[in-house]
């Protein structure tokens, strides 16, 4: 497991194939609890290509010097991502 926030990743290799390819990540919070948002793609074995971009928010807790994933929220589509963005922008503008 990762000892620093920078080491955290969603990349995953199985049988020599990177089945989850991390494209980007943004650290939202650091510390004993860390929150990151990732952009990634899944490998489609049948088509032998990566699928559409996906997004996930992960929450980690640092215990005994290592980060352990505690929760995640997968954003299922670009449309859902846009709806989340619109909701947040609406709430922030109302301040």
PDB file of N, CA and C in Angstrom:
ATOM      1  N   UNK A   1       0.842  -1.185   0.000  1.00  0.00           N
ATOM      2  CA  UNK A   1       0.000   0.000   0.000  1.00  0.00           C
ATOM      3  C   UNK A   1       0.885   1.246   0.000  1.00  0.00           C
ATOM      4  N   UNK A   2       0.313   2.379  -0.260  1.00  0.00           N
ATOM      5  CA  UNK A   2       1.047   3.630  -0.414  1.00  0.00           C
ATOM      6  C   UNK A   2       1.330   4.286   0.938  1.00  0.00           C
ATOM      7  N   UNK A   3       2.526   4.850   1.054  1.00  0.00           N
ATOM      8  CA  UNK A   3       2.909   5.580   2.255  1.00  0.00           C
ATOM      9  C   UNK A   3       2.667   7.081   2.108  1.00  0.00           C
ATOM     10  N   UNK A   4       2.604   7.574   0.852  1.00  0.00           N
ATOM     11  CA  UNK A   4       2.354   8.991   0.603  1.00  0.00           C
ATOM     12  C   UNK A   4       1.174   9.136  -0.351  1.00  0.00           C
ATOM     13  N   UNK A   5       0.567  10.317  -0.341  1.00  0.00           N
ATOM     14  CA  UNK A   5      -0.569  10.594  -1.224  1.00  0.00           C
ATOM     15  C   UNK A   5      -0.142  10.460  -2.690  1.00  0.00           C
ATOM     16  N   UNK A   6       1.067  10.899  -3.001  1.00  0.00           N
ATOM     17  CA  UNK A   6       1.538  10.844  -4.389  1.00  0.00           C
ATOM     18  C   UNK A   6       1.649   9.416  -4.920  1.00  0.00           C
ATOM     19  N   UNK A   7       1.803   8.432  -4.045  1.00  0.00           N
ATOM     20  CA  UNK A   7       1.912   7.032  -4.452  1.00  0.00           C
ATOM     21  C   UNK A   7       0.551   6.383  -4.716  1.00  0.00           C
ATOM     22  N   UNK A   8      -0.526   6.997  -4.258  1.00  0.00           N
ATOM     23  CA  UNK A   8      -1.861   6.417  -4.443  1.00  0.00           C
ATOM     24  C   UNK A   8      -2.223   6.398  -5.920  1.00  0.00           C
ATOM     25  N   UNK A   9      -2.870   5.316  -6.354  1.00  0.00           N
ATOM     26  CA  UNK A   9      -3.230   5.156  -7.758  1.00  0.00           C
ATOM     27  C   UNK A   9      -4.421   4.209  -7.892  1.00  0.00           C
ATOM     28  N   UNK A  10      -5.101   4.304  -9.022  1.00  0.00           N
ATOM     29  CA  UNK A  10      -6.132   3.326  -9.357  1.00  0.00           C
ATOM     30  C   UNK A  10      -5.645   2.368 -10.427  1.00  0.00           C
ATOM     31  N   UNK A  11      -4.437   2.580 -10.924  1.00  0.00           N
ATOM     32  CA  UNK A  11      -3.872   1.691 -11.940  1.00  0.00           C
ATOM     33  C   UNK A  11      -3.821   0.271 -11.404  1.00  0.00           C
ATOM     34  N   UNK A  12      -4.130  -0.682 -12.286  1.00  0.00           N
ATOM     35  CA  UNK A  12      -4.133  -2.088 -11.883  1.00  0.00           C
ATOM     36  C   UNK A  12      -3.691  -2.930 -13.063  1.00  0.00           C
ATOM     37  N   UNK A  13      -2.772  -3.854 -12.802  1.00  0.00           N
ATOM     38  CA  UNK A  13      -2.275  -4.750 -13.840  1.00  0.00           C
ATOM     39  C   UNK A  13      -2.642  -6.177 -13.466  1.00  0.00           C
ATOM     40  N   UNK A  14      -3.159  -6.923 -14.437  1.00  0.00           N
ATOM     41  CA  UNK A  14      -3.556  -8.311 -14.235  1.00  0.00           C
ATOM     42  C   UNK A  14      -3.044  -9.128 -15.408  1.00  0.00           C
ATOM     43  N   UNK A  15      -2.236 -10.107 -15.140  1.00  0.00           N
ATOM     44  CA  UNK A  15      -1.720 -10.963 -16.200  1.00  0.00           C
ATOM     45  C   UNK A  15      -0.880 -10.213 -17.220  1.00  0.00           C
ATOM     46  N   UNK A  16      -0.158  -9.192 -16.765  1.00  0.00           N
ATOM     47  CA  UNK A  16       0.693  -8.421 -17.658  1.00  0.00           C
ATOM     48  C   UNK A  16      -0.040  -7.354 -18.458  1.00  0.00           C
ATOM     49  N   UNK A  17      -1.350  -7.218 -18.247  1.00  0.00           N
ATOM     50  CA  UNK A  17      -2.147  -6.206 -18.954  1.00  0.00           C
ATOM     51  C   UNK A  17      -2.622  -5.172 -17.945  1.00  0.00           C
ATOM     52  N   UNK A  18      -2.411  -3.898 -18.276  1.00  0.00           N
ATOM     53  CA  UNK A  18      -2.909  -2.828 -17.416  1.00  0.00           C
ATOM     54  C   UNK A  18      -4.418  -2.729 -17.640  1.00  0.00           C
ATOM     55  N   UNK A  19      -5.176  -3.365 -16.749  1.00  0.00           N
ATOM     56  CA  UNK A  19      -6.628  -3.432 -16.920  1.00  0.00           C
ATOM     57  C   UNK A  19      -7.331  -2.158 -16.468  1.00  0.00           C
ATOM     58  N   UNK A  20      -6.684  -1.388 -15.596  1.00  0.00           N
ATOM     59  CA  UNK A  20      -7.178  -0.059 -15.214  1.00  0.00           C
ATOM     60  C   UNK A  20      -6.012   0.900 -15.433  1.00  0.00           C
ATOM     61  N   UNK A  21      -6.189   1.818 -16.376  1.00  0.00           N
ATOM     62  CA  UNK A  21      -5.132   2.769 -16.711  1.00  0.00           C
ATOM     63  C   UNK A  21      -5.499   4.143 -16.169  1.00  0.00           C
ATOM     64  N   UNK A  22      -4.695   4.620 -15.216  1.00  0.00           N
ATOM     65  CA  UNK A  22      -4.912   5.955 -14.655  1.00  0.00           C
ATOM     66  C   UNK A  22      -4.433   7.000 -15.656  1.00  0.00           C
ATOM     67  N   UNK A  23      -5.311   7.947 -15.986  1.00  0.00           N
ATOM     68  CA  UNK A  23      -4.976   9.015 -16.923  1.00  0.00           C
ATOM     69  C   UNK A  23      -4.571  10.293 -16.208  1.00  0.00           C
ATOM     70  N   UNK A  24      -5.178  10.537 -15.047  1.00  0.00           N
ATOM     71  CA  UNK A  24      -4.872  11.749 -14.297  1.00  0.00           C
ATOM     72  C   UNK A  24      -5.437  11.589 -12.892  1.00  0.00           C
ATOM     73  N   UNK A  25      -4.939  12.401 -11.971  1.00  0.00           N
ATOM     74  CA  UNK A  25      -5.503  12.434 -10.620  1.00  0.00           C
ATOM     75  C   UNK A  25      -5.311  13.822 -10.045  1.00  0.00           C
ATOM     76  N   UNK A  26      -6.229  14.192  -9.157  1.00  0.00           N
ATOM     77  CA  UNK A  26      -6.160  15.460  -8.447  1.00  0.00           C
ATOM     78  C   UNK A  26      -6.336  15.143  -6.964  1.00  0.00           C
ATOM     79  N   UNK A  27      -5.421  15.649  -6.158  1.00  0.00           N
ATOM     80  CA  UNK A  27      -5.511  15.481  -4.712  1.00  0.00           C
ATOM     81  C   UNK A  27      -6.404  16.599  -4.181  1.00  0.00           C
ATOM     82  N   UNK A  28      -7.535  16.225  -3.601  1.00  0.00           N
ATOM     83  CA  UNK A  28      -8.471  17.201  -3.060  1.00  0.00           C
ATOM     84  C   UNK A  28      -8.138  17.554  -1.614  1.00  0.00           C
ATOM     85  N   UNK A  29      -7.728  16.552  -0.827  1.00  0.00           N
ATOM     86  CA  UNK A  29      -7.300  16.787   0.553  1.00  0.00           C
ATOM     87  C   UNK A  29      -6.155  15.842   0.877  1.00  0.00           C
ATOM     88  N   UNK A  30      -5.287  16.309   1.792  1.00  0.00           N
ATOM     89  CA  UNK A  30      -4.158  15.502   2.276  1.00  0.00           C
ATOM     90  C   UNK A  30      -4.245  15.426   3.791  1.00  0.00           C
ATOM     91  N   UNK A  31      -3.489  14.509   4.358  1.00  0.00           N
ATOM     92  CA  UNK A  31      -3.445  14.381   5.812  1.00  0.00           C
ATOM     93  C   UNK A  31      -3.775  12.970   6.221  1.00  0.00           C
ATOM     94  N   UNK A  32      -4.266  12.817   7.458  1.00  0.00           N
ATOM     95  CA  UNK A  32      -4.640  11.493   7.957  1.00  0.00           C
ATOM     96  C   UNK A  32      -5.753  10.893   7.099  1.00  0.00           C
ATOM     97  N   UNK A  33      -6.604  11.760   6.562  1.00  0.00           N
ATOM     98  CA  UNK A  33      -7.616  11.353   5.594  1.00  0.00           C
ATOM     99  C   UNK A  33      -7.310  12.083   4.288  1.00  0.00           C
ATOM    100  N   UNK A  34      -7.227  11.354   3.205  1.00  0.00           N
ATOM    101  CA  UNK A  34      -6.934  11.945   1.895  1.00  0.00           C
ATOM    102  C   UNK A  34      -8.088  11.644   0.952  1.00  0.00           C
ATOM    103  N   UNK A  35      -8.405  12.626   0.108  1.00  0.00           N
ATOM    104  CA  UNK A  35      -9.454  12.464  -0.892  1.00  0.00           C
ATOM    105  C   UNK A  35      -8.861  12.794  -2.244  1.00  0.00           C
ATOM    106  N   UNK A  36      -9.028  11.874  -3.197  1.00  0.00           N
ATOM    107  CA  UNK A  36      -8.496  12.065  -4.546  1.00  0.00           C
ATOM    108  C   UNK A  36      -9.575  11.783  -5.567  1.00  0.00           C
ATOM    109  N   UNK A  37      -9.499  12.458  -6.704  1.00  0.00           N
ATOM    110  CA  UNK A  37     -10.375  12.170  -7.830  1.00  0.00           C
ATOM    111  C   UNK A  37      -9.479  11.716  -8.979  1.00  0.00           C
ATOM    112  N   UNK A  38      -9.870  10.630  -9.616  1.00  0.00           N
ATOM    113  CA  UNK A  38      -9.083  10.034 -10.691  1.00  0.00           C
ATOM    114  C   UNK A  38      -9.862  10.029 -12.004  1.00  0.00           C
ATOM    115  N   UNK A  39      -9.127  10.158 -13.090  1.00  0.00           N
ATOM    116  CA  UNK A  39      -9.644   9.925 -14.436  1.00  0.00           C
ATOM    117  C   UNK A  39      -8.933   8.660 -14.914  1.00  0.00           C
ATOM    118  N   UNK A  40      -9.709   7.701 -15.421  1.00  0.00           N
ATOM    119  CA  UNK A  40      -9.107   6.423 -15.796  1.00  0.00           C
ATOM    120  C   UNK A  40      -9.879   5.758 -16.935  1.00  0.00           C
ATOM    121  N   UNK A  41      -9.310   4.674 -17.446  1.00  0.00           N
ATOM    122  CA  UNK A  41      -9.965   3.854 -18.459  1.00  0.00           C
ATOM    123  C   UNK A  41      -9.809   2.390 -18.089  1.00  0.00           C
ATOM    124  N   UNK A  42     -10.845   1.599 -18.383  1.00  0.00           N
ATOM    125  CA  UNK A  42     -10.802   0.149 -18.196  1.00  0.00           C
ATOM    126  C   UNK A  42     -10.434  -0.525 -19.508  1.00  0.00           C
ATOM    127  N   UNK A  43      -9.674  -1.617 -19.423  1.00  0.00           N
ATOM    128  CA  UNK A  43      -9.314  -2.420 -20.582  1.00  0.00           C
ATOM    129  C   UNK A  43     -10.481  -3.335 -20.941  1.00  0.00           C
ATOM    130  N   UNK A  44     -10.892  -3.307 -22.197  1.00  0.00           N
ATOM    131  CA  UNK A  44     -11.936  -4.192 -22.699  1.00  0.00           C
ATOM    132  C   UNK A  44     -11.243  -5.380 -23.358  1.00  0.00           C
ATOM    133  N   UNK A  45     -11.268  -6.532 -22.701  1.00  0.00           N
ATOM    134  CA  UNK A  45     -10.570  -7.719 -23.217  1.00  0.00           C
ATOM    135  C   UNK A  45     -11.132  -8.188 -24.556  1.00  0.00           C
ATOM    136  N   UNK A  46     -12.451  -8.104 -24.712  1.00  0.00           N
ATOM    137  CA  UNK A  46     -13.073  -8.572 -25.950  1.00  0.00           C
ATOM    138  C   UNK A  46     -12.636  -7.737 -27.153  1.00  0.00           C
ATOM    139  N   UNK A  47     -12.588  -6.430 -26.983  1.00  0.00           N
ATOM    140  CA  UNK A  47     -12.213  -5.531 -28.078  1.00  0.00           C
ATOM    141  C   UNK A  47     -10.715  -5.254 -28.129  1.00  0.00           C
ATOM    142  N   UNK A  48     -10.012  -5.641 -27.058  1.00  0.00           N
ATOM    143  CA  UNK A  48      -8.579  -5.385 -26.921  1.00  0.00           C
ATOM    144  C   UNK A  48      -8.253  -3.899 -27.092  1.00  0.00           C
ATOM    145  N   UNK A  49      -9.011  -3.081 -26.355  1.00  0.00           N
ATOM    146  CA  UNK A  49      -8.781  -1.640 -26.350  1.00  0.00           C
ATOM    147  C   UNK A  49      -9.347  -1.059 -25.060  1.00  0.00           C
ATOM    148  N   UNK A  50      -8.918   0.165 -24.755  1.00  0.00           N
ATOM    149  CA  UNK A  50      -9.436   0.838 -23.573  1.00  0.00           C
ATOM    150  C   UNK A  50     -10.782   1.475 -23.894  1.00  0.00           C
ATOM    151  N   UNK A  51     -11.658   1.483 -22.891  1.00  0.00           N
ATOM    152  CA  UNK A  51     -12.984   2.060 -23.047  1.00  0.00           C
ATOM    153  C   UNK A  51     -12.974   3.565 -22.833  1.00  0.00           C
ATOM    154  N   UNK A  52     -14.157   4.110 -22.694  1.00  0.00           N
ATOM    155  CA  UNK A  52     -14.337   5.552 -22.497  1.00  0.00           C
ATOM    156  C   UNK A  52     -13.737   5.984 -21.163  1.00  0.00           C
ATOM    157  N   UNK A  53     -13.446   7.270 -21.074  1.00  0.00           N
ATOM    158  CA  UNK A  53     -12.937   7.826 -19.828  1.00  0.00           C
ATOM    159  C   UNK A  53     -13.977   7.656 -18.726  1.00  0.00           C
ATOM    160  N   UNK A  54     -13.480   7.320 -17.538  1.00  0.00           N
ATOM    161  CA  UNK A  54     -14.320   7.204 -16.350  1.00  0.00           C
ATOM    162  C   UNK A  54     -13.679   8.029 -15.240  1.00  0.00           C
ATOM    163  N   UNK A  55     -14.441   8.236 -14.170  1.00  0.00           N
ATOM    164  CA  UNK A  55     -13.978   9.060 -13.068  1.00  0.00           C
ATOM    165  C   UNK A  55     -14.362   8.390 -11.759  1.00  0.00           C
ATOM    166  N   UNK A  56     -13.518   8.540 -10.753  1.00  0.00           N
ATOM    167  CA  UNK A  56     -13.829   7.979  -9.442  1.00  0.00           C
ATOM    168  C   UNK A  56     -13.242   8.877  -8.364  1.00  0.00           C
ATOM    169  N   UNK A  57     -13.965   8.996  -7.271  1.00  0.00           N
ATOM    170  CA  UNK A  57     -13.493   9.733  -6.105  1.00  0.00           C
ATOM    171  C   UNK A  57     -13.202   8.697  -5.035  1.00  0.00           C
ATOM    172  N   UNK A  58     -11.992   8.752  -4.482  1.00  0.00           N
ATOM    173  CA  UNK A  58     -11.580   7.779  -3.467  1.00  0.00           C
ATOM    174  C   UNK A  58     -11.177   8.497  -2.188  1.00  0.00           C
ATOM    175  N   UNK A  59     -11.512   7.871  -1.076  1.00  0.00           N
ATOM    176  CA  UNK A  59     -11.177   8.404   0.249  1.00  0.00           C
ATOM    177  C   UNK A  59     -10.286   7.380   0.938  1.00  0.00           C
ATOM    178  N   UNK A  60      -9.163   7.856   1.461  1.00  0.00           N
ATOM    179  CA  UNK A  60      -8.180   6.989   2.099  1.00  0.00           C
ATOM    180  C   UNK A  60      -7.921   7.456   3.525  1.00  0.00           C
ATOM    181  N   UNK A  61      -7.615   6.500   4.405  1.00  0.00           N
ATOM    182  CA  UNK A  61      -7.209   6.814   5.771  1.00  0.00           C
ATOM    183  C   UNK A  61      -5.797   6.285   5.975  1.00  0.00           C
ATOM    184  N   UNK A  62      -4.951   7.101   6.595  1.00  0.00           N
ATOM    185  CA  UNK A  62      -3.592   6.670   6.864  1.00  0.00           C
ATOM    186  C   UNK A  62      -3.545   6.025   8.243  1.00  0.00           C
ATOM    187  N   UNK A  63      -3.122   4.764   8.259  1.00  0.00           N
ATOM    188  CA  UNK A  63      -2.984   4.001   9.503  1.00  0.00           C
ATOM    189  C   UNK A  63      -1.680   3.239   9.448  1.00  0.00           C
ATOM    190  N   UNK A  64      -0.960   3.266  10.537  1.00  0.00           N
ATOM    191  CA  UNK A  64       0.324   2.566  10.631  1.00  0.00           C
ATOM    192  C   UNK A  64       1.246   2.939   9.475  1.00  0.00           C
ATOM    193  N   UNK A  65       1.203   4.218   9.067  1.00  0.00           N
ATOM    194  CA  UNK A  65       2.107   4.719   8.043  1.00  0.00           C
ATOM    195  C   UNK A  65       1.717   4.416   6.610  1.00  0.00           C
ATOM    196  N   UNK A  66       0.547   3.790   6.401  1.00  0.00           N
ATOM    197  CA  UNK A  66       0.108   3.450   5.043  1.00  0.00           C
ATOM    198  C   UNK A  66      -1.334   3.885   4.823  1.00  0.00           C
ATOM    199  N   UNK A  67      -1.621   4.323   3.600  1.00  0.00           N
ATOM    200  CA  UNK A  67      -2.982   4.705   3.243  1.00  0.00           C
ATOM    201  C   UNK A  67      -3.792   3.468   2.867  1.00  0.00           C
ATOM    202  N   UNK A  68      -4.998   3.399   3.403  1.00  0.00           N
ATOM    203  CA  UNK A  68      -5.932   2.323   3.085  1.00  0.00           C
ATOM    204  C   UNK A  68      -7.215   2.944   2.559  1.00  0.00           C
ATOM    205  N   UNK A  69      -7.712   2.400   1.437  1.00  0.00           N
ATOM    206  CA  UNK A  69      -8.953   2.934   0.879  1.00  0.00           C
ATOM    207  C   UNK A  69     -10.108   2.621   1.813  1.00  0.00           C
ATOM    208  N   UNK A  70     -10.922   3.646   2.079  1.00  0.00           N
ATOM    209  CA  UNK A  70     -12.075   3.486   2.966  1.00  0.00           C
ATOM    210  C   UNK A  70     -13.405   3.613   2.222  1.00  0.00           C
ATOM    211  N   UNK A  71     -13.429   4.404   1.156  1.00  0.00           N
ATOM    212  CA  UNK A  71     -14.672   4.536   0.393  1.00  0.00           C
ATOM    213  C   UNK A  71     -14.356   5.017  -1.015  1.00  0.00           C
ATOM    214  N   UNK A  72     -15.350   4.820  -1.893  1.00  0.00           N
ATOM    215  CA  UNK A  72     -15.193   5.293  -3.272  1.00  0.00           C
ATOM    216  C   UNK A  72     -16.564   5.604  -3.851  1.00  0.00           C
ATOM    217  N   UNK A  73     -16.552   6.499  -4.826  1.00  0.00           N
ATOM    218  CA  UNK A  73     -17.749   6.820  -5.581  1.00  0.00           C
ATOM    219  C   UNK A  73     -17.357   6.849  -7.047  1.00  0.00           C
ATOM    220  N   UNK A  74     -17.938   5.970  -7.836  1.00  0.00           N
ATOM    221  CA  UNK A  74     -17.658   5.925  -9.263  1.00  0.00           C
ATOM    222  C   UNK A  74     -18.671   6.775 -10.004  1.00  0.00           C
ATOM    223  N   UNK A  75     -18.161   7.666 -10.843  1.00  0.00           N
ATOM    224  CA  UNK A  75     -19.012   8.502 -11.683  1.00  0.00           C
ATOM    225  C   UNK A  75     -19.197   7.728 -12.974  1.00  0.00           C
ATOM    226  N   UNK A  76     -20.434   7.364 -13.268  1.00  0.00           N
ATOM    227  CA  UNK A  76     -20.712   6.367 -14.300  1.00  0.00           C
ATOM    228  C   UNK A  76     -20.613   6.863 -15.735  1.00  0.00           C
ATOM    229  N   UNK A  77     -20.659   8.179 -15.929  1.00  0.00           N
ATOM    230  CA  UNK A  77     -20.634   8.685 -17.311  1.00  0.00           C
ATOM    231  C   UNK A  77     -20.232  10.154 -17.320  1.00  0.00           C
ATOM    232  N   UNK A  78     -19.901  10.643 -18.501  1.00  0.00           N
ATOM    233  CA  UNK A  78     -19.594  12.063 -18.652  1.00  0.00           C
ATOM    234  C   UNK A  78     -20.829  12.895 -18.300  1.00  0.00           C
ATOM    235  N   UNK A  79     -22.014  12.396 -18.635  1.00  0.00           N
ATOM    236  CA  UNK A  79     -23.252  13.104 -18.301  1.00  0.00           C
ATOM    237  C   UNK A  79     -23.445  13.258 -16.804  1.00  0.00           C
ATOM    238  N   UNK A  80     -23.164  12.201 -16.060  1.00  0.00           N
ATOM    239  CA  UNK A  80     -23.278  12.281 -14.607  1.00  0.00           C
ATOM    240  C   UNK A  80     -22.230  13.250 -14.052  1.00  0.00           C
ATOM    241  N   UNK A  81     -21.025  13.245 -14.610  1.00  0.00           N
ATOM    242  CA  UNK A  81     -19.974  14.180 -14.180  1.00  0.00           C
ATOM    243  C   UNK A  81     -20.431  15.618 -14.408  1.00  0.00           C
ATOM    244  N   UNK A  82     -21.023  15.880 -15.564  1.00  0.00           N
ATOM    245  CA  UNK A  82     -21.509  17.228 -15.867  1.00  0.00           C
ATOM    246  C   UNK A  82     -22.623  17.646 -14.912  1.00  0.00           C
ATOM    247  N   UNK A  83     -23.490  16.719 -14.543  1.00  0.00           N
ATOM    248  CA  UNK A  83     -24.577  17.027 -13.603  1.00  0.00           C
ATOM    249  C   UNK A  83     -24.018  17.358 -12.220  1.00  0.00           C
ATOM    250  N   UNK A  84     -22.990  16.647 -11.798  1.00  0.00           N
ATOM    251  CA  UNK A  84     -22.346  16.925 -10.512  1.00  0.00           C
ATOM    252  C   UNK A  84     -21.706  18.311 -10.539  1.00  0.00           C
ATOM    253  N   UNK A  85     -21.008  18.618 -11.628  1.00  0.00           N
ATOM    254  CA  UNK A  85     -20.372  19.924 -11.786  1.00  0.00           C
ATOM    255  C   UNK A  85     -21.417  21.039 -11.737  1.00  0.00           C
ATOM    256  N   UNK A  86     -22.520  20.859 -12.462  1.00  0.00           N
ATOM    257  CA  UNK A  86     -23.577  21.879 -12.504  1.00  0.00           C
ATOM    258  C   UNK A  86     -24.172  22.095 -11.114  1.00  0.00           C
ATOM    259  N   UNK A  87     -24.403  21.014 -10.370  1.00  0.00           N
ATOM    260  CA  UNK A  87     -24.963  21.143  -9.022  1.00  0.00           C
ATOM    261  C   UNK A  87     -24.009  21.901  -8.117  1.00  0.00           C
ATOM    262  N   UNK A  88     -22.745  21.553  -8.151  1.00  0.00           N
ATOM    263  CA  UNK A  88     -21.760  22.221  -7.301  1.00  0.00           C
ATOM    264  C   UNK A  88     -21.610  23.693  -7.678  1.00  0.00           C
ATOM    265  N   UNK A  89     -21.560  23.981  -8.972  1.00  0.00           N
ATOM    266  CA  UNK A  89     -21.457  25.382  -9.402  1.00  0.00           C
ATOM    267  C   UNK A  89     -22.675  26.173  -8.948  1.00  0.00           C
ATOM    268  N   UNK A  90     -23.846  25.581  -9.027  1.00  0.00           N
ATOM    269  CA  UNK A  90     -25.067  26.259  -8.577  1.00  0.00           C
ATOM    270  C   UNK A  90     -25.031  26.578  -7.100  1.00  0.00           C
ATOM    271  N   UNK A  91     -24.563  25.633  -6.309  1.00  0.00           N
ATOM    272  CA  UNK A  91     -24.493  25.847  -4.861  1.00  0.00           C
ATOM    273  C   UNK A  91     -23.443  26.894  -4.509  1.00  0.00           C
ATOM    274  N   UNK A  92     -22.305  26.848  -5.199  1.00  0.00           N
ATOM    275  CA  UNK A  92     -21.226  27.795  -4.901  1.00  0.00           C
ATOM    276  C   UNK A  92     -21.620  29.214  -5.298  1.00  0.00           C
ATOM    277  N   UNK A  93     -22.327  29.379  -6.414  1.00  0.00           N
ATOM    278  CA  UNK A  93     -22.763  30.696  -6.873  1.00  0.00           C
ATOM    279  C   UNK A  93     -23.757  31.331  -5.916  1.00  0.00           C
ATOM    280  N   UNK A  94     -24.479  30.545  -5.153  1.00  0.00           N
ATOM    281  CA  UNK A  94     -25.505  31.064  -4.240  1.00  0.00           C
ATOM    282  C   UNK A  94     -24.923  31.660  -2.979  1.00  0.00           C
ATOM    283  N   UNK A  95     -23.632  31.554  -2.761  1.00  0.00           N
ATOM    284  CA  UNK A  95     -23.010  32.063  -1.534  1.00  0.00           C
ATOM    285  C   UNK A  95     -23.178  33.539  -1.388  1.00  0.00           C
TER     286      UNK A  95
END
